[in-house]
């Protein structure tokens, strides 16, 4: 998807970016949809997650907000956290 990177208190768009979502949307019996997966921002000025961190994870439960987190650090070459 196309997106923009901006910072509150700064005029205008800092950079146009590409946003990639890698995950699954689930449809529930009550009509709600949830998404759980990884999110990737592609752009030159977007702060990047350090290489030794797990990917950003986005959990969306149908509300007007969602949680984005990278809670762990990878500690070895085999991917152990």
PDB file of N, CA and C in Angstrom:
ATOM      1  N   UNK A   1       0.840  -1.169   0.000  1.00  0.00           N
ATOM      2  CA  UNK A   1       0.000   0.000   0.000  1.00  0.00           C
ATOM      3  C   UNK A   1       0.888   1.236   0.000  1.00  0.00           C
ATOM      4  N   UNK A   2       0.385   2.304  -0.558  1.00  0.00           N
ATOM      5  CA  UNK A   2       1.065   3.584  -0.500  1.00  0.00           C
ATOM      6  C   UNK A   2       0.691   4.283   0.797  1.00  0.00           C
ATOM      7  N   UNK A   3       1.642   4.988   1.369  1.00  0.00           N
ATOM      8  CA  UNK A   3       1.395   5.720   2.598  1.00  0.00           C
ATOM      9  C   UNK A   3       2.291   6.933   2.676  1.00  0.00           C
ATOM     10  N   UNK A   4       2.209   7.629   3.782  1.00  0.00           N
ATOM     11  CA  UNK A   4       3.070   8.784   4.005  1.00  0.00           C
ATOM     12  C   UNK A   4       3.682   8.688   5.398  1.00  0.00           C
ATOM     13  N   UNK A   5       4.887   9.231   5.510  1.00  0.00           N
ATOM     14  CA  UNK A   5       5.563   9.335   6.794  1.00  0.00           C
ATOM     15  C   UNK A   5       5.554  10.806   7.161  1.00  0.00           C
ATOM     16  N   UNK A   6       5.045  11.116   8.345  1.00  0.00           N
ATOM     17  CA  UNK A   6       5.003  12.500   8.805  1.00  0.00           C
ATOM     18  C   UNK A   6       5.209  12.493  10.309  1.00  0.00           C
ATOM     19  N   UNK A   7       5.469  13.679  10.854  1.00  0.00           N
ATOM     20  CA  UNK A   7       5.635  13.814  12.291  1.00  0.00           C
ATOM     21  C   UNK A   7       4.748  14.948  12.761  1.00  0.00           C
ATOM     22  N   UNK A   8       4.010  14.718  13.838  1.00  0.00           N
ATOM     23  CA  UNK A   8       3.160  15.772  14.376  1.00  0.00           C
ATOM     24  C   UNK A   8       4.012  16.986  14.723  1.00  0.00           C
ATOM     25  N   UNK A   9       3.508  18.162  14.440  1.00  0.00           N
ATOM     26  CA  UNK A   9       4.234  19.391  14.705  1.00  0.00           C
ATOM     27  C   UNK A   9       5.128  19.826  13.562  1.00  0.00           C
ATOM     28  N   UNK A  10       5.205  19.009  12.520  1.00  0.00           N
ATOM     29  CA  UNK A  10       6.002  19.339  11.344  1.00  0.00           C
ATOM     30  C   UNK A  10       5.038  19.578  10.189  1.00  0.00           C
ATOM     31  N   UNK A  11       5.290  20.626   9.429  1.00  0.00           N
ATOM     32  CA  UNK A  11       4.405  20.903   8.295  1.00  0.00           C
ATOM     33  C   UNK A  11       4.679  19.957   7.144  1.00  0.00           C
ATOM     34  N   UNK A  12       3.621  19.445   6.562  1.00  0.00           N
ATOM     35  CA  UNK A  12       3.738  18.648   5.339  1.00  0.00           C
ATOM     36  C   UNK A  12       4.202  17.226   5.560  1.00  0.00           C
ATOM     37  N   UNK A  13       4.239  16.515   4.466  1.00  0.00           N
ATOM     38  CA  UNK A  13       4.656  15.118   4.438  1.00  0.00           C
ATOM     39  C   UNK A  13       6.174  15.062   4.369  1.00  0.00           C
ATOM     40  N   UNK A  14       6.775  14.234   5.180  1.00  0.00           N
ATOM     41  CA  UNK A  14       8.225  14.078   5.158  1.00  0.00           C
ATOM     42  C   UNK A  14       8.643  13.185   3.999  1.00  0.00           C
ATOM     43  N   UNK A  15       7.881  12.095   3.764  1.00  0.00           N
ATOM     44  CA  UNK A  15       8.247  11.159   2.699  1.00  0.00           C
ATOM     45  C   UNK A  15       7.049  10.281   2.336  1.00  0.00           C
ATOM     46  N   UNK A  16       6.916   9.966   1.057  1.00  0.00           N
ATOM     47  CA  UNK A  16       5.951   8.955   0.621  1.00  0.00           C
ATOM     48  C   UNK A  16       6.615   7.596   0.833  1.00  0.00           C
ATOM     49  N   UNK A  17       5.875   6.640   1.390  1.00  0.00           N
ATOM     50  CA  UNK A  17       6.441   5.337   1.726  1.00  0.00           C
ATOM     51  C   UNK A  17       5.562   4.220   1.177  1.00  0.00           C
ATOM     52  N   UNK A  18       6.103   3.025   1.202  1.00  0.00           N
ATOM     53  CA  UNK A  18       5.347   1.815   0.889  1.00  0.00           C
ATOM     54  C   UNK A  18       5.164   1.044   2.183  1.00  0.00           C
ATOM     55  N   UNK A  19       3.953   0.569   2.420  1.00  0.00           N
ATOM     56  CA  UNK A  19       3.637  -0.203   3.621  1.00  0.00           C
ATOM     57  C   UNK A  19       3.259  -1.610   3.171  1.00  0.00           C
ATOM     58  N   UNK A  20       3.952  -2.621   3.715  1.00  0.00           N
ATOM     59  CA  UNK A  20       3.627  -4.010   3.394  1.00  0.00           C
ATOM     60  C   UNK A  20       3.113  -4.698   4.645  1.00  0.00           C
ATOM     61  N   UNK A  21       1.968  -5.348   4.509  1.00  0.00           N
ATOM     62  CA  UNK A  21       1.378  -6.118   5.597  1.00  0.00           C
ATOM     63  C   UNK A  21       1.500  -7.598   5.255  1.00  0.00           C
ATOM     64  N   UNK A  22       1.984  -8.387   6.194  1.00  0.00           N
ATOM     65  CA  UNK A  22       2.144  -9.818   5.991  1.00  0.00           C
ATOM     66  C   UNK A  22       1.455 -10.530   7.144  1.00  0.00           C
ATOM     67  N   UNK A  23       0.267 -11.030   6.898  1.00  0.00           N
ATOM     68  CA  UNK A  23      -0.488 -11.682   7.965  1.00  0.00           C
ATOM     69  C   UNK A  23      -1.812 -12.192   7.441  1.00  0.00           C
ATOM     70  N   UNK A  24      -2.746 -12.354   8.355  1.00  0.00           N
ATOM     71  CA  UNK A  24      -4.048 -12.896   7.988  1.00  0.00           C
ATOM     72  C   UNK A  24      -5.168 -12.086   8.613  1.00  0.00           C
ATOM     73  N   UNK A  25      -6.235 -11.913   7.835  1.00  0.00           N
ATOM     74  CA  UNK A  25      -7.468 -11.325   8.349  1.00  0.00           C
ATOM     75  C   UNK A  25      -8.408 -12.478   8.667  1.00  0.00           C
ATOM     76  N   UNK A  26      -8.982 -12.434   9.856  1.00  0.00           N
ATOM     77  CA  UNK A  26      -9.950 -13.456  10.249  1.00  0.00           C
ATOM     78  C   UNK A  26     -11.324 -12.810  10.362  1.00  0.00           C
ATOM     79  N   UNK A  27     -12.319 -13.500   9.848  1.00  0.00           N
ATOM     80  CA  UNK A  27     -13.706 -13.047   9.977  1.00  0.00           C
ATOM     81  C   UNK A  27     -14.369 -13.896  11.049  1.00  0.00           C
ATOM     82  N   UNK A  28     -15.017 -13.229  11.982  1.00  0.00           N
ATOM     83  CA  UNK A  28     -15.622 -13.917  13.113  1.00  0.00           C
ATOM     84  C   UNK A  28     -17.133 -14.016  12.933  1.00  0.00           C
ATOM     85  N   UNK A  29     -17.739 -14.902  13.679  1.00  0.00           N
ATOM     86  CA  UNK A  29     -19.177 -15.150  13.596  1.00  0.00           C
ATOM     87  C   UNK A  29     -19.969 -13.878  13.891  1.00  0.00           C
ATOM     88  N   UNK A  30     -19.460 -13.028  14.785  1.00  0.00           N
ATOM     89  CA  UNK A  30     -20.173 -11.804  15.156  1.00  0.00           C
ATOM     90  C   UNK A  30     -20.005 -10.677  14.126  1.00  0.00           C
ATOM     91  N   UNK A  31     -19.330 -10.955  12.990  1.00  0.00           N
ATOM     92  CA  UNK A  31     -19.175  -9.975  11.932  1.00  0.00           C
ATOM     93  C   UNK A  31     -17.899  -9.155  12.003  1.00  0.00           C
ATOM     94  N   UNK A  32     -17.178  -9.251  13.123  1.00  0.00           N
ATOM     95  CA  UNK A  32     -15.925  -8.490  13.243  1.00  0.00           C
ATOM     96  C   UNK A  32     -14.814  -9.177  12.471  1.00  0.00           C
ATOM     97  N   UNK A  33     -13.840  -8.388  12.092  1.00  0.00           N
ATOM     98  CA  UNK A  33     -12.651  -8.909  11.437  1.00  0.00           C
ATOM     99  C   UNK A  33     -11.442  -8.523  12.267  1.00  0.00           C
ATOM    100  N   UNK A  34     -10.480  -9.406  12.353  1.00  0.00           N
ATOM    101  CA  UNK A  34      -9.232  -9.102  13.041  1.00  0.00           C
ATOM    102  C   UNK A  34      -8.073  -9.402  12.113  1.00  0.00           C
ATOM    103  N   UNK A  35      -6.986  -8.661  12.293  1.00  0.00           N
ATOM    104  CA  UNK A  35      -5.767  -8.878  11.523  1.00  0.00           C
ATOM    105  C   UNK A  35      -4.632  -9.064  12.496  1.00  0.00           C
ATOM    106  N   UNK A  36      -3.794 -10.063  12.233  1.00  0.00           N
ATOM    107  CA  UNK A  36      -2.589 -10.250  13.021  1.00  0.00           C
ATOM    108  C   UNK A  36      -1.467 -10.576  12.058  1.00  0.00           C
ATOM    109  N   UNK A  37      -0.398  -9.819  12.137  1.00  0.00           N
ATOM    110  CA  UNK A  37       0.717 -10.071  11.249  1.00  0.00           C
ATOM    111  C   UNK A  37       1.806  -9.036  11.402  1.00  0.00           C
ATOM    112  N   UNK A  38       2.747  -9.075  10.483  1.00  0.00           N
ATOM    113  CA  UNK A  38       3.891  -8.171  10.512  1.00  0.00           C
ATOM    114  C   UNK A  38       3.651  -6.990   9.578  1.00  0.00           C
ATOM    115  N   UNK A  39       4.285  -5.869   9.907  1.00  0.00           N
ATOM    116  CA  UNK A  39       4.171  -4.664   9.102  1.00  0.00           C
ATOM    117  C   UNK A  39       5.578  -4.183   8.752  1.00  0.00           C
ATOM    118  N   UNK A  40       5.761  -3.761   7.495  1.00  0.00           N
ATOM    119  CA  UNK A  40       7.059  -3.292   7.020  1.00  0.00           C
ATOM    120  C   UNK A  40       6.866  -1.935   6.351  1.00  0.00           C
ATOM    121  N   UNK A  41       7.690  -0.966   6.735  1.00  0.00           N
ATOM    122  CA  UNK A  41       7.669   0.360   6.130  1.00  0.00           C
ATOM    123  C   UNK A  41       8.900   0.492   5.249  1.00  0.00           C
ATOM    124  N   UNK A  42       8.710   0.868   3.990  1.00  0.00           N
ATOM    125  CA  UNK A  42       9.820   1.004   3.060  1.00  0.00           C
ATOM    126  C   UNK A  42       9.935   2.470   2.664  1.00  0.00           C
ATOM    127  N   UNK A  43      11.053   3.076   3.069  1.00  0.00           N
ATOM    128  CA  UNK A  43      11.308   4.480   2.783  1.00  0.00           C
ATOM    129  C   UNK A  43      12.670   4.867   3.327  1.00  0.00           C
ATOM    130  N   UNK A  44      13.253   5.905   2.766  1.00  0.00           N
ATOM    131  CA  UNK A  44      14.597   6.316   3.166  1.00  0.00           C
ATOM    132  C   UNK A  44      14.639   6.993   4.527  1.00  0.00           C
ATOM    133  N   UNK A  45      13.606   7.753   4.880  1.00  0.00           N
ATOM    134  CA  UNK A  45      13.638   8.546   6.109  1.00  0.00           C
ATOM    135  C   UNK A  45      12.895   7.899   7.273  1.00  0.00           C
ATOM    136  N   UNK A  46      12.241   6.775   7.044  1.00  0.00           N
ATOM    137  CA  UNK A  46      11.482   6.093   8.082  1.00  0.00           C
ATOM    138  C   UNK A  46      12.459   5.405   9.039  1.00  0.00           C
ATOM    139  N   UNK A  47      12.327   5.634  10.358  1.00  0.00           N
ATOM    140  CA  UNK A  47      13.212   4.941  11.300  1.00  0.00           C
ATOM    141  C   UNK A  47      13.070   3.425  11.127  1.00  0.00           C
ATOM    142  N   UNK A  48      14.185   2.728  11.099  1.00  0.00           N
ATOM    143  CA  UNK A  48      14.178   1.286  10.877  1.00  0.00           C
ATOM    144  C   UNK A  48      14.355   0.526  12.189  1.00  0.00           C
ATOM    145  N   UNK A  49      13.752  -0.644  12.249  1.00  0.00           N
ATOM    146  CA  UNK A  49      13.918  -1.530  13.393  1.00  0.00           C
ATOM    147  C   UNK A  49      15.326  -2.111  13.320  1.00  0.00           C
ATOM    148  N   UNK A  50      16.094  -2.108  14.407  1.00  0.00           N
ATOM    149  CA  UNK A  50      17.434  -2.704  14.364  1.00  0.00           C
ATOM    150  C   UNK A  50      17.387  -4.166  13.928  1.00  0.00           C
ATOM    151  N   UNK A  51      18.445  -4.615  13.285  1.00  0.00           N
ATOM    152  CA  UNK A  51      18.507  -5.975  12.733  1.00  0.00           C
ATOM    153  C   UNK A  51      18.286  -7.056  13.794  1.00  0.00           C
ATOM    154  N   UNK A  52      18.637  -6.790  15.050  1.00  0.00           N
ATOM    155  CA  UNK A  52      18.533  -7.834  16.074  1.00  0.00           C
ATOM    156  C   UNK A  52      17.179  -7.831  16.789  1.00  0.00           C
ATOM    157  N   UNK A  53      16.175  -7.195  16.198  1.00  0.00           N
ATOM    158  CA  UNK A  53      14.832  -7.167  16.784  1.00  0.00           C
ATOM    159  C   UNK A  53      13.881  -8.016  15.956  1.00  0.00           C
ATOM    160  N   UNK A  54      12.846  -8.509  16.608  1.00  0.00           N
ATOM    161  CA  UNK A  54      11.812  -9.238  15.877  1.00  0.00           C
ATOM    162  C   UNK A  54      11.048  -8.245  15.005  1.00  0.00           C
ATOM    163  N   UNK A  55      10.395  -8.709  13.933  1.00  0.00           N
ATOM    164  CA  UNK A  55       9.640  -7.786  13.061  1.00  0.00           C
ATOM    165  C   UNK A  55       8.533  -7.076  13.828  1.00  0.00           C
ATOM    166  N   UNK A  56       8.135  -5.910  13.321  1.00  0.00           N
ATOM    167  CA  UNK A  56       6.991  -5.213  13.912  1.00  0.00           C
ATOM    168  C   UNK A  56       5.758  -6.083  13.751  1.00  0.00           C
ATOM    169  N   UNK A  57       4.963  -6.183  14.788  1.00  0.00           N
ATOM    170  CA  UNK A  57       3.729  -6.964  14.724  1.00  0.00           C
ATOM    171  C   UNK A  57       2.553  -6.033  14.935  1.00  0.00           C
ATOM    172  N   UNK A  58       1.573  -6.145  14.064  1.00  0.00           N
ATOM    173  CA  UNK A  58       0.370  -5.335  14.116  1.00  0.00           C
ATOM    174  C   UNK A  58      -0.793  -6.236  14.494  1.00  0.00           C
ATOM    175  N   UNK A  59      -1.523  -5.866  15.539  1.00  0.00           N
ATOM    176  CA  UNK A  59      -2.716  -6.604  15.944  1.00  0.00           C
ATOM    177  C   UNK A  59      -3.882  -5.639  15.855  1.00  0.00           C
ATOM    178  N   UNK A  60      -4.815  -5.908  14.942  1.00  0.00           N
ATOM    179  CA  UNK A  60      -5.960  -5.032  14.713  1.00  0.00           C
ATOM    180  C   UNK A  60      -7.228  -5.791  15.045  1.00  0.00           C
ATOM    181  N   UNK A  61      -8.065  -5.190  15.898  1.00  0.00           N
ATOM    182  CA  UNK A  61      -9.283  -5.890  16.302  1.00  0.00           C
ATOM    183  C   UNK A  61     -10.557  -5.154  15.920  1.00  0.00           C
ATOM    184  N   UNK A  62     -10.483  -4.309  14.894  1.00  0.00           N
ATOM    185  CA  UNK A  62     -11.683  -3.659  14.397  1.00  0.00           C
ATOM    186  C   UNK A  62     -11.969  -2.304  15.016  1.00  0.00           C
ATOM    187  N   UNK A  63     -11.177  -1.860  15.957  1.00  0.00           N
ATOM    188  CA  UNK A  63     -11.371  -0.553  16.588  1.00  0.00           C
ATOM    189  C   UNK A  63     -10.691   0.521  15.740  1.00  0.00           C
ATOM    190  N   UNK A  64     -10.679   1.748  16.208  1.00  0.00           N
ATOM    191  CA  UNK A  64     -10.059   2.856  15.482  1.00  0.00           C
ATOM    192  C   UNK A  64      -8.571   2.990  15.785  1.00  0.00           C
ATOM    193  N   UNK A  65      -7.989   1.992  16.399  1.00  0.00           N
ATOM    194  CA  UNK A  65      -6.572   2.017  16.720  1.00  0.00           C
ATOM    195  C   UNK A  65      -6.065   0.582  16.748  1.00  0.00           C
ATOM    196  N   UNK A  66      -4.771   0.417  16.766  1.00  0.00           N
ATOM    197  CA  UNK A  66      -4.192  -0.915  16.898  1.00  0.00           C
ATOM    198  C   UNK A  66      -2.842  -0.800  17.580  1.00  0.00           C
ATOM    199  N   UNK A  67      -2.333  -1.916  18.004  1.00  0.00           N
ATOM    200  CA  UNK A  67      -1.041  -1.981  18.666  1.00  0.00           C
ATOM    201  C   UNK A  67       0.001  -2.439  17.660  1.00  0.00           C
ATOM    202  N   UNK A  68       1.124  -1.735  17.619  1.00  0.00           N
ATOM    203  CA  UNK A  68       2.261  -2.141  16.805  1.00  0.00           C
ATOM    204  C   UNK A  68       3.414  -2.344  17.769  1.00  0.00           C
ATOM    205  N   UNK A  69       4.029  -3.527  17.727  1.00  0.00           N
ATOM    206  CA  UNK A  69       5.100  -3.776  18.688  1.00  0.00           C
ATOM    207  C   UNK A  69       6.225  -4.609  18.093  1.00  0.00           C
ATOM    208  N   UNK A  70       7.387  -4.459  18.676  1.00  0.00           N
ATOM    209  CA  UNK A  70       8.551  -5.308  18.433  1.00  0.00           C
ATOM    210  C   UNK A  70       9.129  -5.555  19.815  1.00  0.00           C
ATOM    211  N   UNK A  71       8.652  -6.591  20.443  1.00  0.00           N
ATOM    212  CA  UNK A  71       8.888  -6.759  21.870  1.00  0.00           C
ATOM    213  C   UNK A  71      10.177  -7.483  22.220  1.00  0.00           C
ATOM    214  N   UNK A  72      10.815  -8.148  21.292  1.00  0.00           N
ATOM    215  CA  UNK A  72      11.939  -8.988  21.656  1.00  0.00           C
ATOM    216  C   UNK A  72      13.159  -8.719  20.802  1.00  0.00           C
ATOM    217  N   UNK A  73      14.269  -9.174  21.291  1.00  0.00           N
ATOM    218  CA  UNK A  73      15.538  -9.042  20.600  1.00  0.00           C
ATOM    219  C   UNK A  73      16.040 -10.438  20.281  1.00  0.00           C
ATOM    220  N   UNK A  74      16.515 -10.667  19.070  1.00  0.00           N
ATOM    221  CA  UNK A  74      17.057 -11.958  18.646  1.00  0.00           C
ATOM    222  C   UNK A  74      18.489 -12.038  19.164  1.00  0.00           C
ATOM    223  N   UNK A  75      18.831 -13.133  19.860  1.00  0.00           N
ATOM    224  CA  UNK A  75      20.134 -13.180  20.523  1.00  0.00           C
ATOM    225  C   UNK A  75      21.152 -14.092  19.866  1.00  0.00           C
ATOM    226  N   UNK A  76      20.765 -14.873  18.853  1.00  0.00           N
ATOM    227  CA  UNK A  76      21.764 -15.718  18.203  1.00  0.00           C
ATOM    228  C   UNK A  76      21.431 -15.956  16.745  1.00  0.00           C
ATOM    229  N   UNK A  77      22.368 -16.582  16.026  1.00  0.00           N
ATOM    230  CA  UNK A  77      22.210 -16.801  14.591  1.00  0.00           C
ATOM    231  C   UNK A  77      21.093 -17.780  14.237  1.00  0.00           C
ATOM    232  N   UNK A  78      20.651 -18.572  15.209  1.00  0.00           N
ATOM    233  CA  UNK A  78      19.579 -19.532  14.946  1.00  0.00           C
ATOM    234  C   UNK A  78      18.202 -18.921  15.183  1.00  0.00           C
ATOM    235  N   UNK A  79      18.158 -17.639  15.498  1.00  0.00           N
ATOM    236  CA  UNK A  79      16.880 -16.957  15.658  1.00  0.00           C
ATOM    237  C   UNK A  79      16.268 -17.047  17.033  1.00  0.00           C
ATOM    238  N   UNK A  80      17.020 -17.573  18.006  1.00  0.00           N
ATOM    239  CA  UNK A  80      16.469 -17.652  19.365  1.00  0.00           C
ATOM    240  C   UNK A  80      16.270 -16.261  19.932  1.00  0.00           C
ATOM    241  N   UNK A  81      15.195 -16.110  20.688  1.00  0.00           N
ATOM    242  CA  UNK A  81      14.826 -14.808  21.226  1.00  0.00           C
ATOM    243  C   UNK A  81      15.086 -14.789  22.712  1.00  0.00           C
TER     244      UNK A  81
END
